[in-house]
Amino acid sequence: MHGEYRNWSGTRFYLTRWIYPVQSIITSMMQNPHDEVQQLRAEIAAAAARMVAQDGADYGSAKRKAARQILGESRVNAQRDLLPDDAQVEEEVRLYHALFNADTQPARLFRLRTVALQAMEMLEQYQPHLTGAVLNGSAGEHDDIRLQVFADSAKDVEIFLLNQNLNIEISESDHFKGPRYEPVETVSFIWQKEGVHVELYEQDDLRGAKKQRAGDKPVRAGLAEVRALLTTSSHTDEEE
């Protein structure tokens, strides 16, 4: 089966060159549908991660765009369950940075965490918590800092920031508890040349925010935890 053969023109070829594609086709035909779904999700997650890392796209937009590129518009609309979850995209973003930004991303992450800590110290009376890519370590060139604060009044936080001579913009963010809850006010401003977005929650929300299942990655960190992250980091601003 591995011998040399000649076709009618005398060109040499090997039978194994034909066997392997046939085997590949047979394998594809026998593939478990569940495996195919997993493979498609992985491809979408990898494509979405490139958009996040290269262009600063948000996860939702990146997943939808990647799915349209890979599956086509009609199939995306018919099979929304093919979209990967955010955790899968986040892992692909980490891999992307490890492969293509290993010489710059760690210092960039250290810089963002340092600025985040400074902003949190300014907002200390409102129980600030760091969340998002800066906390989980996947932040890159295009990422901003995302904080959550827990106060009696969102207006008090806004007035406090205005008194710091900051130019603020007001928008809304999804509640961390899910779509059943009303969106929360979000204040955005520039701090130490970095974008900061502060989600304004009520005091009662803090109790739910601290609940976490054993083994889960932390989704928010207070002042002490962020200080610990910086203390254990091997990167400093001088390395940028």
C-alpha atoms as a PDB file:
ATOM      1  CA  MET A   1       0.000   0.000   0.000  1.00  0.00           C
ATOM      2  CA  HIS A   2       2.994   2.301   0.309  1.00  0.00           C
ATOM      3  CA  GLY A   3       4.595   1.367  -3.038  1.00  0.00           C
ATOM      4  CA  GLU A   4       5.452   3.733  -5.875  1.00  0.00           C
ATOM      5  CA  TYR A   5       3.030   4.022  -8.802  1.00  0.00           C
ATOM      6  CA  ARG A   6       2.999   5.892 -12.117  1.00  0.00           C
ATOM      7  CA  ASN A   7      -0.032   7.382 -13.800  1.00  0.00           C
ATOM      8  CA  TRP A   8      -0.590   7.477 -17.576  1.00  0.00           C
ATOM      9  CA  SER A   9       1.754  10.479 -17.993  1.00  0.00           C
ATOM     10  CA  GLY A  10       4.573   8.781 -16.109  1.00  0.00           C
ATOM     11  CA  THR A  11       4.353  11.064 -13.083  1.00  0.00           C
ATOM     12  CA  ARG A  12       5.194   9.264  -9.873  1.00  0.00           C
ATOM     13  CA  PHE A  13       2.866   9.292  -6.882  1.00  0.00           C
ATOM     14  CA  TYR A  14       2.301   7.241  -3.751  1.00  0.00           C
ATOM     15  CA  LEU A  15      -0.899   5.491  -2.853  1.00  0.00           C
ATOM     16  CA  THR A  16      -0.695   6.781   0.717  1.00  0.00           C
ATOM     17  CA  ARG A  17      -1.394  10.301  -0.582  1.00  0.00           C
ATOM     18  CA  TRP A  18      -4.844   9.104  -1.544  1.00  0.00           C
ATOM     19  CA  ILE A  19      -5.498   6.908   1.454  1.00  0.00           C
ATOM     20  CA  TYR A  20      -5.168   9.669   4.079  1.00  0.00           C
ATOM     21  CA  PRO A  21      -7.732  12.072   2.559  1.00  0.00           C
ATOM     22  CA  VAL A  22     -10.216   9.207   2.296  1.00  0.00           C
ATOM     23  CA  GLN A  23      -9.588   8.330   5.923  1.00  0.00           C
ATOM     24  CA  SER A  24     -10.120  11.986   6.847  1.00  0.00           C
ATOM     25  CA  ILE A  25     -13.457  12.044   5.032  1.00  0.00           C
ATOM     26  CA  ILE A  26     -14.577   8.843   6.739  1.00  0.00           C
ATOM     27  CA  THR A  27     -13.543  10.221  10.132  1.00  0.00           C
ATOM     28  CA  SER A  28     -15.461  13.423   9.448  1.00  0.00           C
ATOM     29  CA  MET A  29     -18.565  11.444   8.485  1.00  0.00           C
ATOM     30  CA  MET A  30     -18.349   9.437  11.698  1.00  0.00           C
ATOM     31  CA  GLN A  31     -17.708  12.492  13.892  1.00  0.00           C
ATOM     32  CA  ASN A  32     -19.926  12.863  16.908  1.00  0.00           C
ATOM     33  CA  PRO A  33     -22.273  15.876  16.478  1.00  0.00           C
ATOM     34  CA  HIS A  34     -21.336  16.993  19.993  1.00  0.00           C
ATOM     35  CA  ASP A  35     -17.661  17.043  18.978  1.00  0.00           C
ATOM     36  CA  GLU A  36     -18.511  19.147  15.932  1.00  0.00           C
ATOM     37  CA  VAL A  37     -20.315  21.689  18.108  1.00  0.00           C
ATOM     38  CA  GLN A  38     -17.368  21.843  20.481  1.00  0.00           C
ATOM     39  CA  GLN A  39     -14.983  22.368  17.564  1.00  0.00           C
ATOM     40  CA  LEU A  40     -17.110  25.173  16.122  1.00  0.00           C
ATOM     41  CA  ARG A  41     -17.311  26.875  19.498  1.00  0.00           C
ATOM     42  CA  ALA A  42     -13.546  26.669  19.823  1.00  0.00           C
ATOM     43  CA  GLU A  43     -13.064  28.239  16.381  1.00  0.00           C
ATOM     44  CA  ILE A  44     -15.500  31.033  17.187  1.00  0.00           C
ATOM     45  CA  ALA A  45     -13.841  31.641  20.563  1.00  0.00           C
ATOM     46  CA  ALA A  46     -10.389  31.879  18.974  1.00  0.00           C
ATOM     47  CA  ALA A  47     -11.591  34.297  16.278  1.00  0.00           C
ATOM     48  CA  ALA A  48     -13.422  36.409  18.864  1.00  0.00           C
ATOM     49  CA  ALA A  49     -10.335  36.497  21.080  1.00  0.00           C
ATOM     50  CA  ARG A  50      -8.285  37.978  18.243  1.00  0.00           C
ATOM     51  CA  MET A  51     -10.844  40.776  17.876  1.00  0.00           C
ATOM     52  CA  VAL A  52     -10.772  41.442  21.610  1.00  0.00           C
ATOM     53  CA  ALA A  53      -6.981  41.489  21.818  1.00  0.00           C
ATOM     54  CA  GLN A  54      -6.281  43.322  18.566  1.00  0.00           C
ATOM     55  CA  ASP A  55      -9.180  45.772  18.339  1.00  0.00           C
ATOM     56  CA  GLY A  56     -10.544  46.095  21.859  1.00  0.00           C
ATOM     57  CA  ALA A  57     -13.935  44.621  20.905  1.00  0.00           C
ATOM     58  CA  ASP A  58     -16.278  43.630  23.718  1.00  0.00           C
ATOM     59  CA  TYR A  59     -16.920  39.930  24.157  1.00  0.00           C
ATOM     60  CA  GLY A  60     -20.521  39.969  22.962  1.00  0.00           C
ATOM     61  CA  SER A  61     -19.820  41.834  19.723  1.00  0.00           C
ATOM     62  CA  ALA A  62     -16.685  39.801  19.046  1.00  0.00           C
ATOM     63  CA  LYS A  63     -18.519  36.480  19.469  1.00  0.00           C
ATOM     64  CA  ARG A  64     -21.342  37.493  17.153  1.00  0.00           C
ATOM     65  CA  LYS A  65     -18.977  38.807  14.472  1.00  0.00           C
ATOM     66  CA  ALA A  66     -16.745  35.738  14.679  1.00  0.00           C
ATOM     67  CA  ALA A  67     -19.764  33.445  14.431  1.00  0.00           C
ATOM     68  CA  ARG A  68     -21.007  35.231  11.305  1.00  0.00           C
ATOM     69  CA  GLN A  69     -17.584  34.892   9.706  1.00  0.00           C
ATOM     70  CA  ILE A  70     -17.322  31.166  10.449  1.00  0.00           C
ATOM     71  CA  LEU A  71     -20.936  30.001  10.172  1.00  0.00           C
ATOM     72  CA  GLY A  72     -22.669  32.553   7.998  1.00  0.00           C
ATOM     73  CA  GLU A  73     -25.556  34.827   8.945  1.00  0.00           C
ATOM     74  CA  SER A  74     -28.378  32.314   8.501  1.00  0.00           C
ATOM     75  CA  ARG A  75     -26.793  29.572  10.594  1.00  0.00           C
ATOM     76  CA  VAL A  76     -25.897  32.001  13.381  1.00  0.00           C
ATOM     77  CA  ASN A  77     -29.517  33.119  13.623  1.00  0.00           C
ATOM     78  CA  ALA A  78     -30.742  29.518  13.618  1.00  0.00           C
ATOM     79  CA  GLN A  79     -28.161  28.093  16.044  1.00  0.00           C
ATOM     80  CA  ARG A  80     -27.341  30.670  18.695  1.00  0.00           C
ATOM     81  CA  ASP A  81     -26.345  27.837  21.031  1.00  0.00           C
ATOM     82  CA  LEU A  82     -23.121  27.510  19.031  1.00  0.00           C
ATOM     83  CA  LEU A  83     -21.732  30.690  20.587  1.00  0.00           C
ATOM     84  CA  PRO A  84     -19.013  30.033  23.197  1.00  0.00           C
ATOM     85  CA  ASP A  85     -19.390  31.470  26.679  1.00  0.00           C
ATOM     86  CA  ASP A  86     -17.267  34.370  27.930  1.00  0.00           C
ATOM     87  CA  ALA A  87     -14.998  32.074  29.934  1.00  0.00           C
ATOM     88  CA  GLN A  88     -13.961  30.213  26.773  1.00  0.00           C
ATOM     89  CA  VAL A  89     -13.230  33.477  24.956  1.00  0.00           C
ATOM     90  CA  GLU A  90     -11.297  34.765  27.964  1.00  0.00           C
ATOM     91  CA  GLU A  91      -9.078  31.688  27.905  1.00  0.00           C
ATOM     92  CA  GLU A  92      -8.410  32.222  24.199  1.00  0.00           C
ATOM     93  CA  VAL A  93      -7.505  35.867  24.884  1.00  0.00           C
ATOM     94  CA  ARG A  94      -4.942  34.648  27.417  1.00  0.00           C
ATOM     95  CA  LEU A  95      -3.481  32.248  24.856  1.00  0.00           C
ATOM     96  CA  TYR A  96      -3.348  35.011  22.250  1.00  0.00           C
ATOM     97  CA  HIS A  97      -1.426  37.313  24.590  1.00  0.00           C
ATOM     98  CA  ALA A  98       0.926  34.489  25.550  1.00  0.00           C
ATOM     99  CA  LEU A  99       1.708  33.823  21.896  1.00  0.00           C
ATOM    100  CA  PHE A 100       1.840  37.315  20.436  1.00  0.00           C
ATOM    101  CA  ASN A 101       2.157  39.827  23.288  1.00  0.00           C
ATOM    102  CA  ALA A 102       4.317  38.016  25.825  1.00  0.00           C
ATOM    103  CA  ASP A 103       6.899  40.819  25.798  1.00  0.00           C
ATOM    104  CA  THR A 104       4.394  43.637  26.482  1.00  0.00           C
ATOM    105  CA  GLN A 105       1.180  42.319  28.045  1.00  0.00           C
ATOM    106  CA  PRO A 106       2.488  41.561  31.572  1.00  0.00           C
ATOM    107  CA  ALA A 107       3.811  45.101  31.996  1.00  0.00           C
ATOM    108  CA  ARG A 108       0.595  46.527  30.554  1.00  0.00           C
ATOM    109  CA  LEU A 109      -1.437  44.472  33.027  1.00  0.00           C
ATOM    110  CA  PHE A 110       0.722  45.672  35.923  1.00  0.00           C
ATOM    111  CA  ARG A 111       0.208  49.271  34.813  1.00  0.00           C
ATOM    112  CA  LEU A 112      -3.589  48.870  34.672  1.00  0.00           C
ATOM    113  CA  ARG A 113      -3.728  47.211  38.070  1.00  0.00           C
ATOM    114  CA  THR A 114      -1.580  49.956  39.571  1.00  0.00           C
ATOM    115  CA  VAL A 115      -3.866  52.679  38.225  1.00  0.00           C
ATOM    116  CA  ALA A 116      -6.908  50.680  39.310  1.00  0.00           C
ATOM    117  CA  LEU A 117      -5.579  50.538  42.866  1.00  0.00           C
ATOM    118  CA  GLN A 118      -5.055  54.308  42.882  1.00  0.00           C
ATOM    119  CA  ALA A 119      -8.627  54.879  41.699  1.00  0.00           C
ATOM    120  CA  MET A 120      -9.927  52.439  44.305  1.00  0.00           C
ATOM    121  CA  GLU A 121      -8.028  54.226  47.070  1.00  0.00           C
ATOM    122  CA  MET A 122      -9.678  57.474  45.966  1.00  0.00           C
ATOM    123  CA  LEU A 123     -13.094  55.742  46.147  1.00  0.00           C
ATOM    124  CA  GLU A 124     -12.336  53.799  49.334  1.00  0.00           C
ATOM    125  CA  GLN A 125     -15.378  55.101  51.252  1.00  0.00           C
ATOM    126  CA  TYR A 126     -17.642  53.456  48.626  1.00  0.00           C
ATOM    127  CA  GLN A 127     -16.222  49.938  49.012  1.00  0.00           C
ATOM    128  CA  PRO A 128     -14.699  49.669  45.518  1.00  0.00           C
ATOM    129  CA  HIS A 129     -14.040  46.337  43.835  1.00  0.00           C
ATOM    130  CA  LEU A 130     -12.004  45.618  40.717  1.00  0.00           C
ATOM    131  CA  THR A 131     -13.578  43.383  38.083  1.00  0.00           C
ATOM    132  CA  GLY A 132     -13.208  42.416  34.437  1.00  0.00           C
ATOM    133  CA  ALA A 133     -10.093  41.829  32.359  1.00  0.00           C
ATOM    134  CA  VAL A 134      -7.761  43.825  34.618  1.00  0.00           C
ATOM    135  CA  LEU A 135      -8.625  41.517  37.496  1.00  0.00           C
ATOM    136  CA  ASN A 136      -8.629  38.194  35.636  1.00  0.00           C
ATOM    137  CA  GLY A 137      -5.325  38.952  33.905  1.00  0.00           C
ATOM    138  CA  SER A 138      -6.483  38.979  30.281  1.00  0.00           C
ATOM    139  CA  ALA A 139      -6.270  42.770  29.851  1.00  0.00           C
ATOM    140  CA  GLY A 140      -4.236  44.151  26.970  1.00  0.00           C
ATOM    141  CA  GLU A 141      -3.516  47.319  25.065  1.00  0.00           C
ATOM    142  CA  HIS A 142      -7.145  48.306  24.479  1.00  0.00           C
ATOM    143  CA  ASP A 143      -8.662  47.466  27.863  1.00  0.00           C
ATOM    144  CA  ASP A 144     -10.025  49.955  30.381  1.00  0.00           C
ATOM    145  CA  ILE A 145     -10.418  49.546  34.134  1.00  0.00           C
ATOM    146  CA  ARG A 146     -13.792  48.399  35.456  1.00  0.00           C
ATOM    147  CA  LEU A 147     -14.763  48.993  39.071  1.00  0.00           C
ATOM    148  CA  GLN A 148     -17.879  48.326  41.112  1.00  0.00           C
ATOM    149  CA  VAL A 149     -18.768  50.483  44.111  1.00  0.00           C
ATOM    150  CA  PHE A 150     -21.515  49.988  46.700  1.00  0.00           C
ATOM    151  CA  ALA A 151     -23.038  53.169  48.102  1.00  0.00           C
ATOM    152  CA  ASP A 152     -26.225  54.510  49.674  1.00  0.00           C
ATOM    153  CA  SER A 153     -26.663  56.890  46.766  1.00  0.00           C
ATOM    154  CA  ALA A 154     -25.305  56.845  43.225  1.00  0.00           C
ATOM    155  CA  LYS A 155     -25.642  60.634  43.194  1.00  0.00           C
ATOM    156  CA  ASP A 156     -23.242  60.893  46.134  1.00  0.00           C
ATOM    157  CA  VAL A 157     -20.567  59.059  44.151  1.00  0.00           C
ATOM    158  CA  GLU A 158     -21.112  61.259  41.113  1.00  0.00           C
ATOM    159  CA  ILE A 159     -20.825  64.440  43.191  1.00  0.00           C
ATOM    160  CA  PHE A 160     -17.691  63.104  44.879  1.00  0.00           C
ATOM    161  CA  LEU A 161     -16.038  62.474  41.510  1.00  0.00           C
ATOM    162  CA  LEU A 162     -17.023  65.912  40.223  1.00  0.00           C
ATOM    163  CA  ASN A 163     -15.425  67.417  43.331  1.00  0.00           C
ATOM    164  CA  GLN A 164     -12.179  65.668  42.294  1.00  0.00           C
ATOM    165  CA  ASN A 165     -12.263  67.861  39.148  1.00  0.00           C
ATOM    166  CA  LEU A 166     -12.964  64.869  36.932  1.00  0.00           C
ATOM    167  CA  ASN A 167     -14.964  65.066  33.727  1.00  0.00           C
ATOM    168  CA  ILE A 168     -17.482  62.252  34.013  1.00  0.00           C
ATOM    169  CA  GLU A 169     -19.834  60.564  31.579  1.00  0.00           C
ATOM    170  CA  ILE A 170     -22.924  58.651  32.664  1.00  0.00           C
ATOM    171  CA  SER A 171     -24.089  55.435  31.015  1.00  0.00           C
ATOM    172  CA  GLU A 172     -25.547  52.083  32.062  1.00  0.00           C
ATOM    173  CA  SER A 173     -24.134  48.590  32.561  1.00  0.00           C
ATOM    174  CA  ASP A 174     -25.818  45.221  32.963  1.00  0.00           C
ATOM    175  CA  HIS A 175     -26.372  44.238  36.571  1.00  0.00           C
ATOM    176  CA  PHE A 176     -23.949  41.519  37.671  1.00  0.00           C
ATOM    177  CA  LYS A 177     -26.897  39.491  38.957  1.00  0.00           C
ATOM    178  CA  GLY A 178     -28.279  39.047  35.457  1.00  0.00           C
ATOM    179  CA  PRO A 179     -30.934  40.345  33.052  1.00  0.00           C
ATOM    180  CA  ARG A 180     -33.758  40.062  35.600  1.00  0.00           C
ATOM    181  CA  TYR A 181     -32.308  43.096  37.354  1.00  0.00           C
ATOM    182  CA  GLU A 182     -32.322  46.691  36.188  1.00  0.00           C
ATOM    183  CA  PRO A 183     -29.104  48.033  34.618  1.00  0.00           C
ATOM    184  CA  VAL A 184     -26.960  50.134  36.925  1.00  0.00           C
ATOM    185  CA  GLU A 185     -25.614  53.631  36.413  1.00  0.00           C
ATOM    186  CA  THR A 186     -21.999  53.707  35.338  1.00  0.00           C
ATOM    187  CA  VAL A 187     -19.653  56.669  35.648  1.00  0.00           C
ATOM    188  CA  SER A 188     -16.701  56.866  33.249  1.00  0.00           C
ATOM    189  CA  PHE A 189     -13.655  59.136  33.459  1.00  0.00           C
ATOM    190  CA  ILE A 190      -9.943  59.305  32.705  1.00  0.00           C
ATOM    191  CA  TRP A 191      -7.573  58.600  35.579  1.00  0.00           C
ATOM    192  CA  GLN A 192      -3.803  58.627  35.114  1.00  0.00           C
ATOM    193  CA  LYS A 193      -4.371  58.532  31.329  1.00  0.00           C
ATOM    194  CA  GLU A 194      -6.432  55.336  31.603  1.00  0.00           C
ATOM    195  CA  GLY A 195     -10.163  54.869  31.087  1.00  0.00           C
ATOM    196  CA  VAL A 196     -12.072  53.961  34.245  1.00  0.00           C
ATOM    197  CA  HIS A 197     -15.698  52.788  34.371  1.00  0.00           C
ATOM    198  CA  VAL A 198     -17.358  52.678  37.791  1.00  0.00           C
ATOM    199  CA  GLU A 199     -20.618  50.739  38.153  1.00  0.00           C
ATOM    200  CA  LEU A 200     -22.766  52.215  40.927  1.00  0.00           C
ATOM    201  CA  TYR A 201     -24.517  49.564  43.032  1.00  0.00           C
ATOM    202  CA  GLU A 202     -26.607  49.811  46.184  1.00  0.00           C
ATOM    203  CA  GLN A 203     -25.241  48.743  49.537  1.00  0.00           C
ATOM    204  CA  ASP A 204     -27.504  45.689  49.621  1.00  0.00           C
ATOM    205  CA  ASP A 205     -25.929  44.385  46.412  1.00  0.00           C
ATOM    206  CA  LEU A 206     -22.597  43.900  48.173  1.00  0.00           C
ATOM    207  CA  ARG A 207     -23.900  40.864  50.047  1.00  0.00           C
ATOM    208  CA  GLY A 208     -24.721  39.086  46.799  1.00  0.00           C
ATOM    209  CA  ALA A 209     -21.472  40.186  45.223  1.00  0.00           C
ATOM    210  CA  LYS A 210     -19.428  38.412  47.874  1.00  0.00           C
ATOM    211  CA  LYS A 211     -21.172  35.063  47.363  1.00  0.00           C
ATOM    212  CA  GLN A 212     -19.089  32.649  45.341  1.00  0.00           C
ATOM    213  CA  ARG A 213     -19.023  28.914  44.839  1.00  0.00           C
ATOM    214  CA  ALA A 214     -15.969  27.055  46.045  1.00  0.00           C
ATOM    215  CA  GLY A 215     -13.406  26.655  43.281  1.00  0.00           C
ATOM    216  CA  ASP A 216     -14.715  29.501  41.130  1.00  0.00           C
ATOM    217  CA  LYS A 217     -12.351  32.232  39.995  1.00  0.00           C
ATOM    218  CA  PRO A 218     -12.950  35.530  41.819  1.00  0.00           C
ATOM    219  CA  VAL A 219     -14.986  37.917  39.689  1.00  0.00           C
ATOM    220  CA  ARG A 220     -14.244  40.970  41.848  1.00  0.00           C
ATOM    221  CA  ALA A 221     -11.511  41.984  44.279  1.00  0.00           C
ATOM    222  CA  GLY A 222     -11.367  44.587  47.028  1.00  0.00           C
ATOM    223  CA  LEU A 223      -8.485  46.846  47.962  1.00  0.00           C
ATOM    224  CA  ALA A 224      -6.598  44.210  49.943  1.00  0.00           C
ATOM    225  CA  GLU A 225      -6.801  41.651  47.131  1.00  0.00           C
ATOM    226  CA  VAL A 226      -5.629  44.125  44.474  1.00  0.00           C
ATOM    227  CA  ARG A 227      -2.708  45.182  46.650  1.00  0.00           C
ATOM    228  CA  ALA A 228      -1.802  41.510  47.002  1.00  0.00           C
ATOM    229  CA  LEU A 229      -1.925  41.053  43.211  1.00  0.00           C
ATOM    230  CA  LEU A 230       0.563  43.873  42.753  1.00  0.00           C
ATOM    231  CA  THR A 231       2.800  42.665  45.557  1.00  0.00           C
ATOM    232  CA  THR A 232       3.128  39.219  44.012  1.00  0.00           C
ATOM    233  CA  SER A 233       3.702  40.562  40.490  1.00  0.00           C
ATOM    234  CA  SER A 234       7.232  40.502  39.055  1.00  0.00           C
ATOM    235  CA  HIS A 235       6.578  43.468  36.744  1.00  0.00           C
ATOM    236  CA  THR A 236       7.011  47.130  37.556  1.00  0.00           C
ATOM    237  CA  ASP A 237       6.357  50.383  35.740  1.00  0.00           C
ATOM    238  CA  GLU A 238      10.054  50.586  34.860  1.00  0.00           C
ATOM    239  CA  GLU A 239       9.643  47.493  32.673  1.00  0.00           C
ATOM    240  CA  GLU A 240       7.071  49.164  30.417  1.00  0.00           C
END
